[in-house]
Protein backbone atom coordinates (compact mmCIF):
# COMPACT_ATOMS: atom_id res chain seq x y z
CA MET A 1 22.14 46.41 8.23
CA SER A 2 20.88 48.78 10.95
CA ALA A 3 17.20 48.96 11.94
CA VAL A 4 16.92 52.43 10.35
CA MET A 5 18.42 51.20 7.09
CA MET A 6 16.06 48.20 7.02
CA VAL A 7 13.06 50.52 7.37
CA VAL A 8 14.36 52.74 4.56
CA TRP A 9 14.96 49.70 2.37
CA ALA A 10 11.45 48.34 3.05
CA VAL A 11 9.89 51.74 2.20
CA ALA A 12 11.91 51.87 -1.02
CA LEU A 13 10.81 48.37 -2.00
CA ALA A 14 7.17 49.22 -1.32
CA ALA A 15 7.46 52.38 -3.42
CA GLN A 16 9.12 50.45 -6.23
CA ALA A 17 6.37 47.82 -6.01
CA GLY A 18 3.75 50.56 -6.33
CA GLU A 19 5.47 52.04 -9.36
CA ASP A 20 5.87 48.66 -11.03
CA THR A 21 2.24 47.80 -10.31
CA ALA A 22 1.13 50.98 -12.00
CA MET A 23 3.45 50.54 -14.99
CA ASN A 24 3.37 46.75 -15.48
CA THR A 25 0.93 45.67 -18.18
CA THR A 26 2.35 42.17 -18.86
CA GLY A 27 1.37 40.54 -15.58
CA VAL A 28 4.96 39.32 -15.10
CA TRP A 29 7.46 40.60 -12.51
CA SER A 30 11.07 39.59 -11.81
CA VAL A 31 12.38 39.38 -8.27
CA LEU A 32 15.62 40.97 -9.48
CA ASP A 33 13.74 44.22 -10.11
CA PHE A 34 12.85 44.30 -6.41
CA GLY A 35 16.40 43.91 -5.13
CA ALA A 36 16.80 40.13 -4.94
CA VAL A 37 20.39 38.85 -4.95
CA ASP A 38 21.15 35.54 -6.62
CA ASP A 39 24.54 34.60 -5.17
CA ALA A 40 23.41 33.18 -1.76
CA SER A 41 24.97 36.19 -0.03
CA GLY A 42 22.01 38.16 1.32
CA ASP A 43 18.52 37.74 2.72
CA ASN A 44 15.89 37.77 -0.04
CA THR A 45 12.77 37.60 2.12
CA GLU A 46 11.70 41.23 1.68
CA ALA A 47 12.57 41.40 -2.01
CA PHE A 48 10.55 38.30 -2.89
CA GLN A 49 7.61 39.40 -0.77
CA ALA A 50 7.60 42.84 -2.40
CA ALA A 51 7.47 41.28 -5.86
CA LEU A 52 4.67 38.93 -4.81
CA ASP A 53 2.70 41.78 -3.26
CA ALA A 54 3.09 43.82 -6.46
CA ALA A 55 1.52 40.98 -8.43
CA ARG A 56 -1.28 40.73 -5.89
CA ALA A 57 -1.96 44.47 -6.13
CA ALA A 58 -2.40 44.04 -9.87
CA ASP A 59 -5.08 41.36 -9.26
CA GLY A 60 -2.67 38.52 -10.00
CA GLY A 61 0.32 37.64 -12.12
CA VAL A 62 3.56 35.71 -12.34
CA VAL A 63 6.70 36.46 -10.35
CA THR A 64 9.75 35.00 -12.08
CA VAL A 65 12.98 33.90 -10.42
CA PRO A 66 15.99 33.56 -12.75
CA ALA A 67 18.68 30.95 -12.15
CA GLY A 68 20.66 31.60 -8.99
CA ARG A 69 20.94 30.78 -5.30
CA TYR A 70 18.59 32.84 -3.13
CA ARG A 71 19.11 32.92 0.62
CA PHE A 72 16.18 33.44 3.02
CA GLU A 73 16.19 34.26 6.72
CA GLY A 74 12.40 34.59 6.91
CA ALA A 75 9.13 33.29 5.44
CA ILE A 76 7.18 34.39 2.36
CA THR A 77 3.52 34.18 1.33
CA VAL A 78 2.36 33.69 -2.24
CA PRO A 79 -0.88 35.69 -2.35
CA SER A 80 -4.10 34.61 -4.05
CA ASN A 81 -3.98 34.46 -7.85
CA VAL A 82 -0.17 34.76 -7.96
CA THR A 83 2.38 32.26 -9.30
CA LEU A 84 5.99 32.16 -8.06
CA ARG A 85 7.97 30.52 -10.86
CA GLY A 86 11.56 29.34 -11.26
CA VAL A 87 13.31 28.07 -14.36
CA PHE A 88 12.54 24.35 -14.12
CA ALA A 89 9.68 22.86 -16.15
CA TYR A 90 10.03 19.50 -14.36
CA ALA A 91 11.45 18.36 -11.05
CA PRO A 92 15.25 18.66 -11.33
CA ALA A 93 17.86 16.23 -10.01
CA HIS A 94 20.85 17.09 -7.83
CA ALA A 95 22.21 13.70 -6.88
CA GLY A 96 25.69 15.20 -6.88
CA ILE A 97 25.25 16.48 -3.35
CA ARG A 98 25.27 12.83 -2.25
CA ASP A 99 27.52 11.44 -4.96
CA GLY A 100 30.41 13.65 -5.99
CA GLY A 101 30.75 11.69 -9.22
CA HIS A 102 27.63 13.41 -10.54
CA GLN A 103 27.89 16.90 -11.93
CA GLU A 104 24.58 18.33 -10.78
CA ARG A 105 24.64 19.94 -7.34
CA PRO A 106 22.09 22.40 -5.91
CA GLU A 107 23.91 25.32 -7.53
CA PHE A 108 22.08 25.31 -10.86
CA GLY A 109 18.68 26.61 -11.85
CA SER A 110 16.45 28.53 -9.43
CA VAL A 111 17.50 27.44 -5.94
CA LEU A 112 15.80 28.70 -2.77
CA GLU A 113 17.90 28.27 0.40
CA PRO A 114 16.03 28.79 3.70
CA TYR A 115 17.91 29.37 6.95
CA GLY A 116 15.11 30.79 9.11
CA GLY A 117 13.23 28.72 11.67
CA ALA A 118 16.10 26.34 12.39
CA GLY A 119 15.37 24.38 15.54
CA ASP A 120 11.63 25.15 15.58
CA GLU A 121 9.36 23.02 13.40
CA ASP A 122 6.34 25.01 14.65
CA ALA A 123 7.65 28.31 13.28
CA ALA A 124 6.11 29.95 10.21
CA PRO A 125 6.46 27.78 7.08
CA PHE A 126 9.01 28.92 4.53
CA ILE A 127 6.35 29.34 1.80
CA THR A 128 2.61 29.73 2.41
CA LEU A 129 0.27 29.43 -0.57
CA GLN A 130 -3.07 31.19 -0.47
CA ALA A 131 -6.11 30.42 -2.66
CA ASN A 132 -5.33 29.95 -6.37
CA ALA A 133 -1.61 30.46 -5.69
CA THR A 134 1.13 28.34 -7.28
CA VAL A 135 4.81 27.71 -6.66
CA GLN A 136 6.64 26.03 -9.53
CA GLY A 137 10.06 25.28 -10.94
CA PHE A 138 12.51 25.39 -7.99
CA THR A 139 14.95 23.42 -5.96
CA VAL A 140 14.63 24.08 -2.23
CA HIS A 141 17.85 23.29 -0.38
CA TYR A 142 18.63 23.72 3.32
CA PRO A 143 22.41 24.36 3.36
CA ALA A 144 22.68 24.30 7.17
CA GLN A 145 21.21 20.81 7.48
CA ASP A 146 24.13 18.49 8.31
CA PRO A 147 23.77 14.89 7.08
CA LYS A 148 26.52 13.74 9.44
CA ALA A 149 24.84 15.06 12.60
CA ASP A 150 23.45 12.55 15.08
CA ALA A 151 19.95 13.88 14.35
CA PRO A 152 18.56 16.39 11.84
CA THR A 153 17.86 20.00 12.75
CA PRO A 154 14.09 20.57 12.85
CA TYR A 155 12.72 23.22 10.50
CA PRO A 156 9.15 24.40 9.89
CA TRP A 157 7.19 23.16 6.90
CA THR A 158 8.78 24.07 3.58
CA ILE A 159 5.39 24.66 1.93
CA ARG A 160 1.97 25.18 3.52
CA MET A 161 -1.07 25.03 1.20
CA ARG A 162 -4.17 26.94 2.29
CA GLY A 163 -7.38 28.19 0.69
CA ASN A 164 -8.91 26.71 -2.46
CA ASN A 165 -6.93 25.41 -5.45
CA PRO A 166 -3.32 25.99 -4.36
CA ALA A 167 -0.68 24.14 -6.41
CA VAL A 168 2.92 22.95 -5.98
CA MET A 169 4.47 21.71 -9.23
CA ASP A 170 7.78 20.77 -10.85
CA MET A 171 10.03 21.10 -7.82
CA GLN A 172 12.79 19.35 -5.96
CA LEU A 173 12.51 19.62 -2.18
CA LEU A 174 16.01 18.34 -1.66
CA ASN A 175 16.35 18.01 2.11
CA PRO A 176 13.47 19.56 4.07
CA TYR A 177 12.68 18.42 7.58
CA ASN A 178 8.92 18.61 6.87
CA ALA A 179 8.08 19.14 3.19
CA ILE A 180 4.42 19.89 2.30
CA ASP A 181 1.51 20.61 4.65
CA ALA A 182 -1.42 20.05 2.28
CA SER A 183 -4.20 20.44 4.86
CA GLU A 184 -7.10 22.84 5.36
CA ASN A 185 -7.76 23.46 1.67
CA GLN A 186 -9.89 22.26 -1.21
CA ARG A 187 -8.75 20.82 -4.53
CA ALA A 188 -5.04 21.23 -3.83
CA LEU A 189 -2.67 19.95 -6.53
CA ILE A 190 0.79 18.50 -5.83
CA ARG A 191 2.48 17.35 -9.04
CA ASN A 192 6.00 16.36 -10.18
CA ILE A 193 7.84 16.71 -6.87
CA HIS A 194 11.12 14.95 -6.05
CA GLY A 195 13.33 15.11 -2.98
CA GLN A 196 14.26 13.66 0.39
CA PRO A 197 12.12 14.95 3.25
CA ILE A 198 13.73 13.78 6.47
CA HIS A 199 10.78 13.70 8.88
CA ILE A 200 7.46 14.08 6.97
CA GLY A 201 6.97 14.25 3.21
CA VAL A 202 3.30 15.17 2.69
CA TYR A 203 0.61 15.74 5.35
CA VAL A 204 -3.06 15.78 4.29
CA ASP A 205 -6.00 16.61 6.58
CA ARG A 206 -9.27 18.56 6.61
CA ILE A 207 -9.90 18.39 2.86
CA TYR A 208 -13.58 18.15 1.91
CA ASP A 209 -13.31 18.53 -1.86
CA ILE A 210 -11.07 16.36 -3.99
CA GLY A 211 -7.31 16.92 -3.69
CA ARG A 212 -4.70 15.46 -6.03
CA ILE A 213 -1.15 14.21 -5.51
CA GLU A 214 0.65 13.08 -8.66
CA ASN A 215 4.20 11.94 -9.48
CA VAL A 216 5.81 12.53 -6.10
CA HIS A 217 9.10 10.70 -5.58
CA TRP A 218 10.94 10.67 -2.24
CA ASN A 219 14.38 9.12 -2.56
CA PRO A 220 17.72 9.56 -0.72
CA TRP A 221 19.43 11.84 -3.22
CA TRP A 222 20.72 14.19 -0.54
CA SER A 223 21.94 11.76 2.12
CA HIS A 224 22.41 8.00 2.25
CA LYS A 225 24.27 5.81 4.75
CA THR A 226 24.73 8.74 7.12
CA PRO A 227 23.54 9.32 10.72
CA VAL A 228 20.70 11.55 9.50
CA PHE A 229 19.54 8.89 7.02
CA ASP A 230 19.58 6.34 9.86
CA TRP A 231 17.41 8.75 11.85
CA GLN A 232 15.07 9.05 8.88
CA MET A 233 14.72 5.26 8.72
CA LYS A 234 13.70 5.20 12.40
CA HIS A 235 11.41 8.26 12.47
CA GLY A 236 10.53 9.41 8.95
CA ILE A 237 7.12 9.09 7.25
CA GLY A 238 6.69 9.57 3.51
CA PHE A 239 2.96 10.40 3.41
CA ILE A 240 0.36 10.97 6.15
CA PHE A 241 -3.37 11.04 5.39
CA GLY A 242 -5.97 12.22 7.89
CA ARG A 243 -9.44 13.46 6.96
CA THR A 244 -9.78 13.82 3.21
CA ASP A 245 -12.73 13.06 0.97
CA TRP A 246 -12.11 11.25 -2.28
CA HIS A 247 -8.43 12.08 -2.63
CA TYR A 248 -6.69 11.03 -5.86
CA VAL A 249 -3.09 9.85 -5.42
CA LEU A 250 -1.22 8.77 -8.57
CA ASN A 251 2.32 7.42 -9.16
CA THR A 252 3.93 8.19 -5.81
CA PHE A 253 6.99 6.55 -4.28
CA CYS A 254 9.12 6.72 -1.15
CA PHE A 255 12.35 5.00 -0.12
CA GLY A 256 14.00 4.74 3.27
CA TYR A 257 11.37 5.62 5.89
CA ASN A 258 10.07 4.11 9.07
CA VAL A 259 6.59 4.24 7.48
CA GLY A 260 5.89 4.87 3.83
CA TYR A 261 2.14 5.66 3.86
CA LYS A 262 0.30 6.28 7.13
CA PHE A 263 -3.46 6.58 7.48
CA ILE A 264 -4.68 8.18 10.69
CA GLU A 265 -7.84 9.51 12.28
CA THR A 266 -7.78 13.16 13.32
CA LYS A 267 -10.51 15.10 15.12
CA ASP A 268 -12.08 15.71 11.69
CA GLY A 269 -12.12 12.09 10.53
CA ALA A 270 -10.22 9.64 8.32
CA THR A 271 -9.35 9.06 4.64
CA ASN A 272 -11.24 7.79 1.67
CA GLY A 273 -9.57 7.94 -1.68
CA ASN A 274 -8.17 6.38 -4.82
CA PHE A 275 -4.48 5.39 -4.77
CA LEU A 276 -3.07 4.22 -8.11
CA GLY A 277 0.51 3.16 -8.80
CA ILE A 278 1.88 3.93 -5.34
CA GLY A 279 5.08 2.35 -4.00
CA ALA A 280 7.27 2.13 -0.92
CA ASP A 281 10.74 0.56 -0.88
CA ASP A 282 12.98 -0.22 2.10
CA CYS A 283 10.53 1.12 4.66
CA HIS A 284 10.26 -0.69 8.00
CA THR A 285 6.50 -0.67 7.35
CA ALA A 286 5.43 0.23 3.83
CA LEU A 287 1.82 1.05 4.75
CA LEU A 288 0.37 1.58 8.24
CA ALA A 289 -3.38 2.02 8.74
CA GLU A 290 -4.57 3.23 12.13
CA GLN A 291 -7.91 4.21 10.61
CA THR A 292 -9.64 4.70 7.26
CA ALA A 293 -13.15 5.76 6.29
CA PRO A 294 -15.81 3.05 5.84
CA MET A 295 -16.21 3.79 2.10
CA GLY A 296 -12.60 2.88 1.77
CA VAL A 297 -9.05 3.47 0.71
CA LEU A 298 -8.76 1.86 -2.73
CA ILE A 299 -5.19 0.89 -3.73
CA THR A 300 -4.44 -0.40 -7.24
CA ASN A 301 -1.12 -1.37 -8.88
CA GLY A 302 0.87 -0.79 -5.70
CA GLU A 303 4.36 -2.15 -4.96
CA PHE A 304 5.50 -2.55 -1.37
CA VAL A 305 8.91 -3.70 -0.13
CA SER A 306 10.21 -4.07 3.44
CA PHE A 307 13.43 -5.78 4.49
CA ASN A 308 14.94 -3.70 7.31
CA GLY A 309 13.95 -2.88 10.87
CA PRO A 310 13.03 -5.06 13.85
CA ASP A 311 9.98 -6.61 12.14
CA PRO A 312 9.94 -5.79 8.41
CA THR A 313 6.32 -5.94 7.26
CA MET A 314 4.74 -4.31 4.23
CA VAL A 315 1.20 -3.69 5.52
CA ARG A 316 0.08 -3.21 9.12
CA VAL A 317 -3.56 -2.61 9.94
CA GLU A 318 -3.86 -1.63 13.59
CA LYS A 319 -6.31 -2.72 16.27
CA THR A 320 -7.88 0.76 16.07
CA HIS A 321 -8.97 0.24 12.47
CA SER A 322 -12.69 -0.01 11.66
CA GLY A 323 -12.77 1.22 8.06
CA THR A 324 -12.10 -0.37 4.66
CA ILE A 325 -8.91 -0.94 2.63
CA ARG A 326 -8.84 -2.77 -0.69
CA PHE A 327 -5.65 -3.78 -2.52
CA SER A 328 -5.98 -4.76 -6.19
CA ASN A 329 -3.18 -6.00 -8.47
CA CYS A 330 -0.47 -5.15 -5.93
CA ALA A 331 2.87 -6.83 -5.21
CA PHE A 332 4.57 -7.44 -1.85
CA TRP A 333 8.16 -8.65 -1.45
CA GLY A 334 11.16 -8.50 0.88
CA PRO A 335 12.90 -10.49 2.30
CA SER A 336 10.51 -9.69 5.13
CA ASN A 337 9.07 -11.28 8.22
CA ARG A 338 5.47 -10.99 7.01
CA ASN A 339 3.77 -9.35 4.08
CA VAL A 340 0.63 -8.31 5.96
CA VAL A 341 -0.67 -8.08 9.54
CA VAL A 342 -4.37 -7.24 9.97
CA ASP A 343 -6.18 -6.37 13.19
CA GLY A 344 -9.16 -4.29 14.29
CA HIS A 345 -12.82 -4.45 13.24
CA GLY A 346 -12.63 -3.19 9.65
CA THR A 347 -12.42 -4.95 6.30
CA VAL A 348 -9.19 -5.50 4.38
CA GLY A 349 -9.23 -7.09 0.95
CA PHE A 350 -6.61 -8.37 -1.50
CA SER A 351 -7.46 -9.33 -5.09
CA ASP A 352 -5.08 -10.35 -7.90
CA CYS A 353 -2.04 -9.60 -5.71
CA THR A 354 1.39 -11.27 -5.58
CA PHE A 355 3.03 -12.23 -2.27
CA MET A 356 6.63 -13.40 -2.01
CA GLN A 357 9.80 -13.46 0.12
CA TRP A 358 8.22 -13.67 3.57
CA GLY A 359 9.34 -15.76 6.51
CA HIS A 360 12.77 -14.11 6.97
CA ARG A 361 13.86 -12.81 10.35
CA ARG A 362 14.83 -9.13 10.23
CA GLY A 363 15.21 -9.31 6.49
CA ASP A 364 17.89 -12.03 6.62
CA ARG A 365 17.27 -14.55 3.84
CA LYS A 366 19.21 -17.22 5.73
CA GLN A 367 17.11 -17.02 8.91
CA GLN A 368 13.81 -18.69 8.07
CA THR A 369 10.70 -18.42 10.24
CA ASP A 370 7.28 -20.06 10.17
CA THR A 371 5.43 -16.74 10.02
CA PRO A 372 2.72 -16.63 7.35
CA SER A 373 2.52 -14.19 4.51
CA ILE A 374 -0.75 -12.78 5.89
CA GLU A 375 -1.52 -12.87 9.60
CA ALA A 376 -5.05 -11.80 10.55
CA LEU A 377 -5.69 -11.10 14.21
CA GLY A 378 -9.07 -9.39 13.90
CA GLY A 379 -11.55 -7.80 11.55
CA SER A 380 -12.71 -9.15 8.18
CA LEU A 381 -10.34 -10.43 5.49
CA LEU A 382 -10.81 -11.04 1.76
CA VAL A 383 -8.07 -12.83 -0.24
CA ARG A 384 -9.19 -13.79 -3.73
CA GLY A 385 -7.33 -14.57 -6.93
CA CYS A 386 -3.88 -13.91 -5.45
CA GLU A 387 -0.60 -15.81 -5.85
CA PHE A 388 1.73 -16.93 -3.04
CA LEU A 389 5.22 -17.64 -4.40
CA GLU A 390 6.80 -19.36 -1.37
CA ASP A 391 6.34 -22.91 -0.09
CA LYS A 392 5.61 -21.60 3.38
CA PRO A 393 2.49 -20.90 5.48
CA GLN A 394 0.30 -18.55 3.48
CA ILE A 395 -2.40 -17.27 5.84
CA ARG A 396 -3.11 -17.53 9.56
CA LEU A 397 -6.55 -16.57 10.86
CA GLY A 398 -6.46 -15.73 14.57
CA ARG A 399 -9.28 -16.14 17.04
CA GLY A 400 -10.35 -12.51 16.73
CA VAL A 401 -11.16 -12.71 13.02
CA GLU A 402 -14.84 -11.97 12.44
CA ARG A 403 -15.19 -12.99 8.76
CA ALA A 404 -12.85 -14.30 6.10
CA ILE A 405 -13.13 -15.37 2.46
CA ILE A 406 -10.02 -17.03 1.02
CA THR A 407 -10.72 -18.45 -2.40
CA GLU A 408 -9.24 -19.17 -5.81
CA ASN A 409 -5.62 -18.37 -4.99
CA LEU A 410 -2.50 -19.87 -6.60
CA ILE A 411 -0.07 -21.42 -4.13
CA ALA A 412 3.53 -22.61 -4.47
CA GLY A 413 3.70 -25.92 -2.64
CA LYS A 414 1.00 -27.16 -0.29
CA THR A 415 -1.95 -25.12 0.85
CA ARG A 416 -1.11 -24.04 4.38
CA ILE A 417 -3.92 -21.86 5.68
CA GLU A 418 -4.39 -22.04 9.44
CA ASN A 419 -7.89 -21.22 10.67
CA LYS A 420 -8.45 -20.47 14.35
CA ALA A 421 -11.09 -17.83 13.73
CA ARG A 422 -14.10 -17.85 16.00
CA GLY A 423 -16.06 -16.06 13.29
CA ARG A 424 -17.14 -17.29 9.86
CA ALA A 425 -14.43 -18.33 7.38
CA ILE A 426 -14.85 -19.62 3.81
CA ILE A 427 -11.69 -21.29 2.51
CA LYS A 428 -11.98 -23.16 -0.79
CA ASN A 429 -10.84 -23.62 -4.38
CA ASN A 430 -7.20 -22.69 -3.76
CA ALA A 431 -4.80 -24.26 -6.29
CA ALA A 432 -1.62 -25.74 -4.82
CA THR A 433 1.37 -26.85 -6.92
CA PRO A 434 0.64 -30.01 -8.88
CA ARG A 435 2.94 -32.93 -8.14
CA GLY A 436 4.27 -35.87 -10.12
CA LYS A 437 7.01 -36.60 -12.63
CA PHE A 438 5.44 -34.63 -15.49
CA TRP A 439 5.20 -31.42 -13.46
CA ARG A 440 8.69 -31.82 -11.96
CA GLU A 441 10.15 -32.05 -15.47
CA HIS A 442 7.95 -29.22 -16.69
CA HIS A 443 9.06 -26.86 -13.95
CA GLN A 444 12.67 -28.00 -14.29
CA SER A 445 12.89 -26.69 -17.85
CA ALA A 446 10.90 -23.48 -17.32
CA PRO A 447 12.79 -20.21 -16.64
CA GLY A 448 12.23 -17.47 -14.07
CA PHE A 449 11.58 -16.93 -10.37
CA ARG A 450 8.13 -18.50 -10.42
CA SER A 451 9.39 -21.75 -11.90
CA ARG A 452 12.25 -21.88 -9.39
CA SER A 453 9.69 -21.52 -6.59
CA LEU A 454 7.54 -24.26 -8.07
CA ARG A 455 10.56 -26.55 -8.48
CA LYS A 456 11.39 -26.15 -4.81
CA ALA A 457 7.77 -26.71 -3.84
CA GLY A 458 7.48 -29.84 -5.99
CA LYS A 459 10.42 -31.68 -4.44
């Protein structure tokens, strides 16, 4: 299309938007009425933006997108008080792009296919949400991203959330490079999102009033056992949290990243928040804490698994850390080298947690090591009411540990807690496996993993 024709087309769209704004009394617009094409053949940037601007001019409304494949060469903005809505009422699944045996491919429902910004992750995000704006009910698929390439093609953020109360709901972000920038807003809501972000899943920073992330599931539906997935395992991060006050994170999961959850300090500060039912599977490090706020990151009912990479470890707390992290009723398994490594000057606590399958070199069950489940190099450590399901060293307190309380834990085999701390350590009332003929026979007849561990420990 020539430059003159593009100008004429833009003027026509604007005029149509003005007419529809004047005539529309339902508060609902369809992108098809503004010239959108649903067969992946033409650029829909101007048509979508015209429909969104028409809703904005009417002081808000809903812009609907029927089933189809919509190509984009540029970026769009969802204005304040406007909802951009596709056909899905819950995050869809398109595993067929990875597994040809499945029917569903990203050709069904409302599918947005960005091409613009390829090669430049700092370019304008594909979708920017302003205050009180919502995007809901889509699959976003990047057709030009090649899973067999040596490295992924960088793209800008798929969604950027700005202003107060923006929302992203019921979507599949199938293969974005960077998925959701949820920073510089208040009370943002991210709910029911599935997909496979390759580089960064969610980034949170500069939020001073409570944000919410619920039911977000990152899994390799688009690409698995490919060069790009290998790159993701070496470089990808599922969730990054910078400065946010009292964030609520519920039922989130990520599989196949270098780091699952990363807590950092930005120029504006660090994280405090409530994390319930979070999980990370097959991440080199499931959770990495460079810094948290002193009032704490509170993690309950978490599940963390690491078994690949040069040093598979579920939780790493760095030397830079001076805040607080508390784990309650969480589980850690592998086979891994260690479950936890703690350093720094902060406080890290574990209560009613389960630790198992540590002491394996590079995730190989056959290569045993003498590494403990929890290795503390610095800071303060609380381990109370937990269970260690391996007859191996449980905890090692290094010289830099300032304070430690290790009490009332259940242990398979002998209690093996090494204390070299120069600070104050209280270690008492830990229950090792009982020995003797009665207990050997008791454990011999009992079923399950725990009894097998106790049988081995009682020999």
